Amino acid sequence: MGGLGAGEGGLDPRYEEYFVCFNEQRYYDAHDVLEHLWLRTRDENHAFYKGLIQLAGAFVHLKKQFERPDHPVDRTRARPAARLFQLAARNLAGYRPRHLRLDVERAWGLSTGLAEEITRTGYVNPWTPETAPRLSLEPAE
C-alpha cells in the first residue's frame, strides 16, 4: 500500500481520493493519484485501477478540448478520448457489476457509451462541466 494506511472502510486513501478529484472535474489529478497506487499494485486490482486511470485520462482530453476548442492540439482530443474510453471499458469489464464499493457496471457503461457516442458523431466532444458524470463509492457493508 505504499506506506499509506487504509482509509474509510479499509480502502486505500489514494483510491478514495481518485473519486474526490474525479467528481471535482480534476481528471488529471484523479489519474495521477490513482497511478501512484497502480504502479505499486500487482494483485487482482491492477487492471481495475488501470481502467479507472484510463477513464480519467479520457476525461482529461474531453475537458481540454472543451476549454480550448480552437487550440491546434486540444481541438482534436476527442479521438484519443474515445480510444481511452474503449481501453477503460476493456479493463473494467472483468470487475462488473461491483468491485471495491464501486458500481463498475455504471463506470463500464459510461466508458462504452461515450466511446460509441464520440465515434458515431464523427468525434464530437459531448463533455460539458454541467453534464460531467460523477462516480461515488457505495457505503461499506
Protein backbone atom coordinates (compact mmCIF):
# COMPACT_ATOMS: atom_id res chain seq x y z
CA MET A 1 0.00 0.00 0.00
CA GLY A 2 2.95 2.31 -0.46
CA GLY A 3 3.22 3.25 3.20
CA LEU A 4 -0.24 4.78 3.47
CA GLY A 5 -2.71 3.24 5.83
CA ALA A 6 -6.18 2.18 4.89
CA GLY A 7 -8.80 4.87 4.72
CA GLU A 8 -12.53 4.67 5.27
CA GLY A 9 -13.80 1.10 5.09
CA GLY A 10 -10.31 -0.32 4.62
CA LEU A 11 -9.81 1.27 1.20
CA ASP A 12 -6.52 2.83 0.15
CA PRO A 13 -6.72 6.62 0.56
CA ARG A 14 -5.38 7.10 -2.98
CA TYR A 15 -8.32 5.11 -4.32
CA GLU A 16 -10.75 7.23 -2.32
CA GLU A 17 -9.03 10.45 -3.43
CA TYR A 18 -9.49 9.42 -7.07
CA PHE A 19 -13.26 9.85 -6.69
CA VAL A 20 -12.93 13.20 -4.93
CA CYS A 21 -10.78 14.52 -7.78
CA PHE A 22 -12.94 12.93 -10.48
CA ASN A 23 -16.13 14.46 -9.08
CA GLU A 24 -14.46 17.87 -8.87
CA GLN A 25 -13.60 17.52 -12.59
CA ARG A 26 -9.91 17.41 -11.73
CA TYR A 27 -9.38 14.47 -14.03
CA TYR A 28 -5.62 14.78 -14.34
CA ASP A 29 -5.31 14.75 -10.55
CA ALA A 30 -7.61 11.71 -10.38
CA HIS A 31 -5.44 9.95 -12.95
CA ASP A 32 -2.26 10.93 -11.13
CA VAL A 33 -3.31 9.93 -7.61
CA LEU A 34 -4.52 6.52 -8.70
CA GLU A 35 -1.48 5.95 -10.88
CA HIS A 36 0.67 6.08 -7.73
CA LEU A 37 -1.33 3.16 -6.36
CA TRP A 38 -1.48 1.28 -9.69
CA LEU A 39 2.30 1.40 -10.12
CA ARG A 40 2.71 -0.41 -6.78
CA THR A 41 -0.09 -2.91 -7.30
CA ARG A 42 0.40 -6.26 -8.97
CA ASP A 43 -2.59 -8.03 -7.46
CA GLU A 44 -6.10 -8.72 -8.73
CA ASN A 45 -6.86 -4.97 -8.72
CA HIS A 46 -4.14 -3.97 -11.20
CA ALA A 47 -6.35 -3.93 -14.32
CA PHE A 48 -9.20 -2.35 -12.35
CA TYR A 49 -7.05 0.61 -11.34
CA LYS A 50 -5.71 0.86 -14.88
CA GLY A 51 -9.26 1.09 -16.22
CA LEU A 52 -10.13 3.90 -13.82
CA ILE A 53 -6.93 5.73 -14.76
CA GLN A 54 -7.85 5.43 -18.44
CA LEU A 55 -11.36 6.65 -17.69
CA ALA A 56 -9.99 9.78 -16.01
CA GLY A 57 -7.47 10.22 -18.83
CA ALA A 58 -10.26 10.22 -21.39
CA PHE A 59 -11.98 12.99 -19.49
CA VAL A 60 -8.71 14.96 -19.39
CA HIS A 61 -8.85 15.01 -23.20
CA LEU A 62 -12.51 15.99 -23.36
CA LYS A 63 -12.16 18.76 -20.79
CA LYS A 64 -9.12 20.24 -22.55
CA GLN A 65 -10.93 20.17 -25.88
CA PHE A 66 -13.97 21.85 -24.31
CA GLU A 67 -11.81 24.57 -22.73
CA ARG A 68 -9.72 25.27 -25.84
CA PRO A 69 -11.71 24.16 -28.90
CA ASP A 70 -9.61 26.23 -31.32
CA HIS A 71 -6.19 25.19 -29.99
CA PRO A 72 -4.22 23.23 -32.62
CA VAL A 73 -3.69 20.24 -30.31
CA ASP A 74 -6.67 20.42 -27.97
CA ARG A 75 -9.28 20.67 -30.72
CA THR A 76 -8.52 17.08 -31.80
CA ARG A 77 -8.67 15.38 -28.41
CA ALA A 78 -11.99 13.55 -28.90
CA ARG A 79 -10.33 10.75 -30.90
CA PRO A 80 -7.77 9.82 -28.19
CA ALA A 81 -10.54 10.19 -25.59
CA ALA A 82 -12.66 7.63 -27.43
CA ARG A 83 -9.70 5.24 -27.55
CA LEU A 84 -9.11 5.63 -23.81
CA PHE A 85 -12.79 5.02 -23.09
CA GLN A 86 -12.53 1.77 -25.09
CA LEU A 87 -9.43 0.71 -23.15
CA ALA A 88 -11.05 1.63 -19.84
CA ALA A 89 -14.12 -0.45 -20.69
CA ARG A 90 -11.92 -3.42 -21.56
CA ASN A 91 -10.03 -3.19 -18.26
CA LEU A 92 -13.16 -2.65 -16.15
CA ALA A 93 -15.27 -5.36 -17.79
CA GLY A 94 -13.98 -8.21 -15.66
CA TYR A 95 -14.87 -6.41 -12.42
CA ARG A 96 -18.56 -5.90 -13.18
CA PRO A 97 -21.00 -5.45 -11.61
CA ARG A 98 -19.37 -4.15 -8.40
CA HIS A 99 -15.82 -4.05 -7.08
CA LEU A 100 -14.18 -2.21 -4.20
CA ARG A 101 -17.50 -0.47 -3.44
CA LEU A 102 -17.78 0.95 -6.96
CA ASP A 103 -20.71 0.35 -9.28
CA VAL A 104 -18.40 -0.89 -12.02
CA GLU A 105 -21.35 -1.65 -14.28
CA ARG A 106 -22.07 2.09 -14.36
CA ALA A 107 -18.42 3.06 -14.95
CA TRP A 108 -18.17 0.43 -17.70
CA GLY A 109 -21.40 1.68 -19.27
CA LEU A 110 -20.14 5.25 -19.12
CA SER A 111 -16.94 4.21 -20.90
CA THR A 112 -18.59 2.15 -23.62
CA GLY A 113 -21.39 4.65 -24.13
CA LEU A 114 -19.09 7.64 -24.54
CA ALA A 115 -16.71 5.74 -26.82
CA GLU A 116 -19.65 4.82 -29.05
CA GLU A 117 -21.17 8.31 -28.96
CA ILE A 118 -17.92 10.06 -29.81
CA THR A 119 -17.10 7.78 -32.74
CA ARG A 120 -20.71 7.75 -34.02
CA THR A 121 -20.84 11.56 -34.12
CA GLY A 122 -17.56 11.93 -36.01
CA TYR A 123 -15.57 12.74 -32.87
CA VAL A 124 -17.78 15.46 -31.45
CA ASN A 125 -17.00 16.16 -27.81
CA PRO A 126 -20.08 15.55 -25.60
CA TRP A 127 -18.47 16.80 -22.36
CA THR A 128 -19.57 19.97 -20.59
CA PRO A 129 -18.99 20.97 -16.97
CA GLU A 130 -22.75 20.85 -16.39
CA THR A 131 -23.18 17.31 -17.69
CA ALA A 132 -19.94 15.85 -16.31
CA PRO A 133 -20.58 12.47 -14.69
CA ARG A 134 -19.89 11.68 -11.07
CA LEU A 135 -18.68 8.40 -9.61
CA SER A 136 -19.30 7.52 -6.00
CA LEU A 137 -18.30 4.68 -3.76
CA GLU A 138 -21.10 2.74 -2.18
CA PRO A 139 -21.25 2.62 1.63
CA ALA A 140 -19.25 -0.09 3.34
CA GLU A 141 -21.34 -3.12 4.22
